[in-house]
C-alpha atoms as a PDB file:
ATOM      1  CA  UNK A   1      43.075  18.143 -29.755  1.00  0.00           C
ATOM      2  CA  UNK A   2      44.737  16.216 -26.920  1.00  0.00           C
ATOM      3  CA  UNK A   3      47.897  17.789 -25.463  1.00  0.00           C
ATOM      4  CA  UNK A   4      50.103  14.918 -26.644  1.00  0.00           C
ATOM      5  CA  UNK A   5      48.981  15.480 -30.259  1.00  0.00           C
ATOM      6  CA  UNK A   6      48.866  19.283 -30.363  1.00  0.00           C
ATOM      7  CA  UNK A   7      51.205  21.219 -32.646  1.00  0.00           C
ATOM      8  CA  UNK A   8      52.610  24.681 -32.059  1.00  0.00           C
ATOM      9  CA  UNK A   9      51.041  27.655 -33.828  1.00  0.00           C
ATOM     10  CA  UNK A  10      51.960  27.534 -37.495  1.00  0.00           C
ATOM     11  CA  UNK A  11      53.412  29.969 -39.993  1.00  0.00           C
ATOM     12  CA  UNK A  12      52.960  30.680 -43.695  1.00  0.00           C
ATOM     13  CA  UNK A  13      55.279  32.517 -46.053  1.00  0.00           C
ATOM     14  CA  UNK A  14      52.474  33.888 -48.230  1.00  0.00           C
ATOM     15  CA  UNK A  15      48.741  34.307 -48.550  1.00  0.00           C
ATOM     16  CA  UNK A  16      47.157  32.867 -51.707  1.00  0.00           C
ATOM     17  CA  UNK A  17      46.991  35.517 -54.407  1.00  0.00           C
ATOM     18  CA  UNK A  18      48.726  38.291 -52.449  1.00  0.00           C
ATOM     19  CA  UNK A  19      51.642  40.280 -53.799  1.00  0.00           C
ATOM     20  CA  UNK A  20      54.762  39.880 -51.713  1.00  0.00           C
ATOM     21  CA  UNK A  21      55.862  36.242 -51.599  1.00  0.00           C
ATOM     22  CA  UNK A  22      52.898  34.686 -53.442  1.00  0.00           C
ATOM     23  CA  UNK A  23      54.215  35.194 -57.020  1.00  0.00           C
ATOM     24  CA  UNK A  24      57.493  33.407 -56.157  1.00  0.00           C
ATOM     25  CA  UNK A  25      55.600  30.626 -54.353  1.00  0.00           C
ATOM     26  CA  UNK A  26      53.171  30.217 -57.277  1.00  0.00           C
ATOM     27  CA  UNK A  27      56.090  29.967 -59.741  1.00  0.00           C
ATOM     28  CA  UNK A  28      57.684  27.304 -57.557  1.00  0.00           C
ATOM     29  CA  UNK A  29      54.480  25.305 -57.252  1.00  0.00           C
ATOM     30  CA  UNK A  30      53.910  25.452 -61.005  1.00  0.00           C
ATOM     31  CA  UNK A  31      57.509  24.618 -61.908  1.00  0.00           C
ATOM     32  CA  UNK A  32      58.011  22.168 -59.036  1.00  0.00           C
ATOM     33  CA  UNK A  33      61.170  23.959 -57.920  1.00  0.00           C
ATOM     34  CA  UNK A  34      61.673  27.049 -55.807  1.00  0.00           C
ATOM     35  CA  UNK A  35      63.972  30.007 -56.202  1.00  0.00           C
ATOM     36  CA  UNK A  36      66.684  30.349 -53.553  1.00  0.00           C
ATOM     37  CA  UNK A  37      64.926  33.492 -52.269  1.00  0.00           C
ATOM     38  CA  UNK A  38      61.930  31.350 -51.217  1.00  0.00           C
ATOM     39  CA  UNK A  39      64.218  29.051 -49.218  1.00  0.00           C
ATOM     40  CA  UNK A  40      65.841  32.028 -47.500  1.00  0.00           C
ATOM     41  CA  UNK A  41      62.396  33.581 -46.891  1.00  0.00           C
ATOM     42  CA  UNK A  42      61.173  30.397 -45.205  1.00  0.00           C
ATOM     43  CA  UNK A  43      64.346  30.187 -43.092  1.00  0.00           C
ATOM     44  CA  UNK A  44      64.042  33.844 -42.073  1.00  0.00           C
ATOM     45  CA  UNK A  45      60.407  33.242 -41.115  1.00  0.00           C
ATOM     46  CA  UNK A  46      61.429  30.298 -38.908  1.00  0.00           C
ATOM     47  CA  UNK A  47      64.347  32.184 -37.365  1.00  0.00           C
ATOM     48  CA  UNK A  48      62.107  35.139 -36.521  1.00  0.00           C
ATOM     49  CA  UNK A  49      59.211  33.135 -35.129  1.00  0.00           C
ATOM     50  CA  UNK A  50      58.811  33.866 -31.403  1.00  0.00           C
ATOM     51  CA  UNK A  51      59.792  30.888 -29.269  1.00  0.00           C
ATOM     52  CA  UNK A  52      60.846  28.806 -32.280  1.00  0.00           C
ATOM     53  CA  UNK A  53      63.789  30.448 -34.083  1.00  0.00           C
ATOM     54  CA  UNK A  54      66.960  28.847 -32.795  1.00  0.00           C
ATOM     55  CA  UNK A  55      65.163  25.873 -31.200  1.00  0.00           C
ATOM     56  CA  UNK A  56      64.580  24.066 -34.514  1.00  0.00           C
ATOM     57  CA  UNK A  57      66.318  20.680 -34.565  1.00  0.00           C
ATOM     58  CA  UNK A  58      64.936  19.068 -37.750  1.00  0.00           C
ATOM     59  CA  UNK A  59      62.708  19.564 -40.792  1.00  0.00           C
ATOM     60  CA  UNK A  60      60.311  17.126 -42.472  1.00  0.00           C
ATOM     61  CA  UNK A  61      57.661  17.486 -45.166  1.00  0.00           C
ATOM     62  CA  UNK A  62      54.111  16.301 -45.715  1.00  0.00           C
ATOM     63  CA  UNK A  63      54.272  13.961 -48.735  1.00  0.00           C
ATOM     64  CA  UNK A  64      52.472  15.580 -51.650  1.00  0.00           C
ATOM     65  CA  UNK A  65      50.432  13.621 -54.188  1.00  0.00           C
ATOM     66  CA  UNK A  66      50.418  16.497 -56.662  1.00  0.00           C
ATOM     67  CA  UNK A  67      54.000  17.764 -56.286  1.00  0.00           C
ATOM     68  CA  UNK A  68      55.939  14.496 -56.114  1.00  0.00           C
ATOM     69  CA  UNK A  69      59.212  14.985 -54.267  1.00  0.00           C
ATOM     70  CA  UNK A  70      59.151  18.798 -54.624  1.00  0.00           C
ATOM     71  CA  UNK A  71      58.343  19.421 -50.947  1.00  0.00           C
ATOM     72  CA  UNK A  72      60.883  16.882 -49.753  1.00  0.00           C
ATOM     73  CA  UNK A  73      63.573  18.634 -51.811  1.00  0.00           C
ATOM     74  CA  UNK A  74      62.433  22.016 -50.496  1.00  0.00           C
ATOM     75  CA  UNK A  75      62.533  20.663 -46.928  1.00  0.00           C
ATOM     76  CA  UNK A  76      66.124  19.576 -47.570  1.00  0.00           C
ATOM     77  CA  UNK A  77      67.089  23.021 -48.819  1.00  0.00           C
ATOM     78  CA  UNK A  78      65.339  24.678 -45.859  1.00  0.00           C
ATOM     79  CA  UNK A  79      67.094  22.340 -43.432  1.00  0.00           C
ATOM     80  CA  UNK A  80      70.463  23.179 -45.030  1.00  0.00           C
ATOM     81  CA  UNK A  81      69.716  26.900 -44.685  1.00  0.00           C
ATOM     82  CA  UNK A  82      68.809  26.368 -41.002  1.00  0.00           C
ATOM     83  CA  UNK A  83      71.784  24.060 -40.369  1.00  0.00           C
ATOM     84  CA  UNK A  84      69.650  21.110 -39.224  1.00  0.00           C
ATOM     85  CA  UNK A  85      68.882  17.690 -40.730  1.00  0.00           C
ATOM     86  CA  UNK A  86      66.056  17.064 -43.174  1.00  0.00           C
ATOM     87  CA  UNK A  87      64.301  13.829 -42.303  1.00  0.00           C
ATOM     88  CA  UNK A  88      61.785  11.643 -44.085  1.00  0.00           C
ATOM     89  CA  UNK A  89      59.428  10.881 -41.200  1.00  0.00           C
ATOM     90  CA  UNK A  90      56.020  10.723 -42.905  1.00  0.00           C
ATOM     91  CA  UNK A  91      54.702   8.529 -45.691  1.00  0.00           C
ATOM     92  CA  UNK A  92      51.470   8.814 -47.658  1.00  0.00           C
ATOM     93  CA  UNK A  93      49.606   5.523 -47.292  1.00  0.00           C
ATOM     94  CA  UNK A  94      47.014   6.069 -50.001  1.00  0.00           C
ATOM     95  CA  UNK A  95      45.905   8.750 -52.432  1.00  0.00           C
ATOM     96  CA  UNK A  96      43.117  11.066 -51.342  1.00  0.00           C
ATOM     97  CA  UNK A  97      41.353  14.003 -53.008  1.00  0.00           C
ATOM     98  CA  UNK A  98      42.632  17.522 -52.250  1.00  0.00           C
ATOM     99  CA  UNK A  99      41.203  19.099 -49.103  1.00  0.00           C
ATOM    100  CA  UNK A 100      39.711  21.931 -51.181  1.00  0.00           C
ATOM    101  CA  UNK A 101      37.275  19.376 -52.646  1.00  0.00           C
ATOM    102  CA  UNK A 102      35.804  18.570 -49.216  1.00  0.00           C
ATOM    103  CA  UNK A 103      32.586  20.369 -48.247  1.00  0.00           C
ATOM    104  CA  UNK A 104      33.228  20.854 -44.521  1.00  0.00           C
ATOM    105  CA  UNK A 105      35.577  20.238 -41.595  1.00  0.00           C
ATOM    106  CA  UNK A 106      34.171  16.777 -40.868  1.00  0.00           C
ATOM    107  CA  UNK A 107      34.905  15.657 -44.431  1.00  0.00           C
ATOM    108  CA  UNK A 108      38.331  17.333 -44.347  1.00  0.00           C
ATOM    109  CA  UNK A 109      39.343  15.535 -41.148  1.00  0.00           C
ATOM    110  CA  UNK A 110      38.043  12.205 -42.473  1.00  0.00           C
ATOM    111  CA  UNK A 111      39.936  12.768 -45.719  1.00  0.00           C
ATOM    112  CA  UNK A 112      43.260  13.012 -43.824  1.00  0.00           C
ATOM    113  CA  UNK A 113      42.604  10.247 -41.270  1.00  0.00           C
ATOM    114  CA  UNK A 114      44.610   7.179 -42.308  1.00  0.00           C
ATOM    115  CA  UNK A 115      46.164   8.875 -45.352  1.00  0.00           C
ATOM    116  CA  UNK A 116      49.598   9.293 -43.704  1.00  0.00           C
ATOM    117  CA  UNK A 117      51.785   7.383 -41.289  1.00  0.00           C
ATOM    118  CA  UNK A 118      54.936   8.178 -39.365  1.00  0.00           C
ATOM    119  CA  UNK A 119      57.694   5.820 -40.535  1.00  0.00           C
ATOM    120  CA  UNK A 120      60.498   6.790 -38.138  1.00  0.00           C
ATOM    121  CA  UNK A 121      60.821   8.144 -34.615  1.00  0.00           C
ATOM    122  CA  UNK A 122      61.326  11.911 -34.635  1.00  0.00           C
ATOM    123  CA  UNK A 123      64.553  13.009 -32.942  1.00  0.00           C
ATOM    124  CA  UNK A 124      64.504  15.207 -29.846  1.00  0.00           C
ATOM    125  CA  UNK A 125      63.821  18.897 -30.224  1.00  0.00           C
ATOM    126  CA  UNK A 126      61.504  21.108 -32.199  1.00  0.00           C
ATOM    127  CA  UNK A 127      60.629  20.022 -35.715  1.00  0.00           C
ATOM    128  CA  UNK A 128      59.311  21.930 -38.698  1.00  0.00           C
ATOM    129  CA  UNK A 129      56.509  20.222 -40.655  1.00  0.00           C
ATOM    130  CA  UNK A 130      56.524  21.714 -44.156  1.00  0.00           C
ATOM    131  CA  UNK A 131      53.489  21.626 -46.462  1.00  0.00           C
ATOM    132  CA  UNK A 132      52.714  23.476 -49.666  1.00  0.00           C
ATOM    133  CA  UNK A 133      49.347  24.973 -48.761  1.00  0.00           C
ATOM    134  CA  UNK A 134      47.141  25.407 -45.750  1.00  0.00           C
ATOM    135  CA  UNK A 135      43.471  25.550 -46.523  1.00  0.00           C
ATOM    136  CA  UNK A 136      41.578  23.557 -43.899  1.00  0.00           C
ATOM    137  CA  UNK A 137      44.512  23.008 -41.528  1.00  0.00           C
ATOM    138  CA  UNK A 138      43.529  19.370 -40.960  1.00  0.00           C
ATOM    139  CA  UNK A 139      46.500  17.848 -42.780  1.00  0.00           C
ATOM    140  CA  UNK A 140      49.000  19.775 -40.679  1.00  0.00           C
ATOM    141  CA  UNK A 141      47.073  19.190 -37.449  1.00  0.00           C
ATOM    142  CA  UNK A 142      46.692  15.451 -37.965  1.00  0.00           C
ATOM    143  CA  UNK A 143      50.150  14.724 -39.392  1.00  0.00           C
ATOM    144  CA  UNK A 144      51.670  16.968 -36.729  1.00  0.00           C
ATOM    145  CA  UNK A 145      49.684  15.066 -34.097  1.00  0.00           C
ATOM    146  CA  UNK A 146      51.018  11.777 -35.408  1.00  0.00           C
ATOM    147  CA  UNK A 147      54.570  13.123 -35.157  1.00  0.00           C
ATOM    148  CA  UNK A 148      53.925  14.279 -31.585  1.00  0.00           C
ATOM    149  CA  UNK A 149      52.524  10.893 -30.602  1.00  0.00           C
ATOM    150  CA  UNK A 150      55.548   9.239 -32.232  1.00  0.00           C
ATOM    151  CA  UNK A 151      57.803  11.194 -29.869  1.00  0.00           C
ATOM    152  CA  UNK A 152      58.354  14.691 -31.299  1.00  0.00           C
ATOM    153  CA  UNK A 153      58.750  17.243 -28.513  1.00  0.00           C
ATOM    154  CA  UNK A 154      57.306  20.108 -30.559  1.00  0.00           C
ATOM    155  CA  UNK A 155      56.054  20.346 -34.150  1.00  0.00           C
ATOM    156  CA  UNK A 156      55.719  23.709 -35.893  1.00  0.00           C
ATOM    157  CA  UNK A 157      53.604  23.688 -39.074  1.00  0.00           C
ATOM    158  CA  UNK A 158      55.088  25.774 -41.896  1.00  0.00           C
ATOM    159  CA  UNK A 159      53.455  26.315 -45.275  1.00  0.00           C
ATOM    160  CA  UNK A 160      54.329  28.124 -48.432  1.00  0.00           C
ATOM    161  CA  UNK A 161      50.842  29.600 -48.669  1.00  0.00           C
ATOM    162  CA  UNK A 162      47.615  29.911 -46.734  1.00  0.00           C
ATOM    163  CA  UNK A 163      44.067  30.982 -47.511  1.00  0.00           C
ATOM    164  CA  UNK A 164      43.832  32.989 -44.293  1.00  0.00           C
END
């Protein structure tokens, strides 16, 4: 990944199926709303992340085909908890199948390419890119790369859950 499109190392609140945070995340995904403890957990994760914590200047979300505006609302609540603005910077340009339906990394990358576009210039500072799940990592890498190329200084991927 070229330097001008590379994101920072990312973070996840939970691992799919684990105890800990996963039950609260799963309830939120199913009900399309998250308990306040999940918002605080995400904010604490960001605050404690080495080299990121207090540097966060804004939060945005990956538009979700399956969750509607759930992630955008969660991004707003996270931004409030962090004391930074929540911004709508990314738009889905067309529906695509979930990444979990792709057979390999080549298909996963192709599935994301052209599916999103940056609709506003990111402000200065470090941004959080929130997504619901990380399975292949291609959505966060490619959308984060688009944000970087649109002017974001740093983009930190943050997900509710990850396979790994």
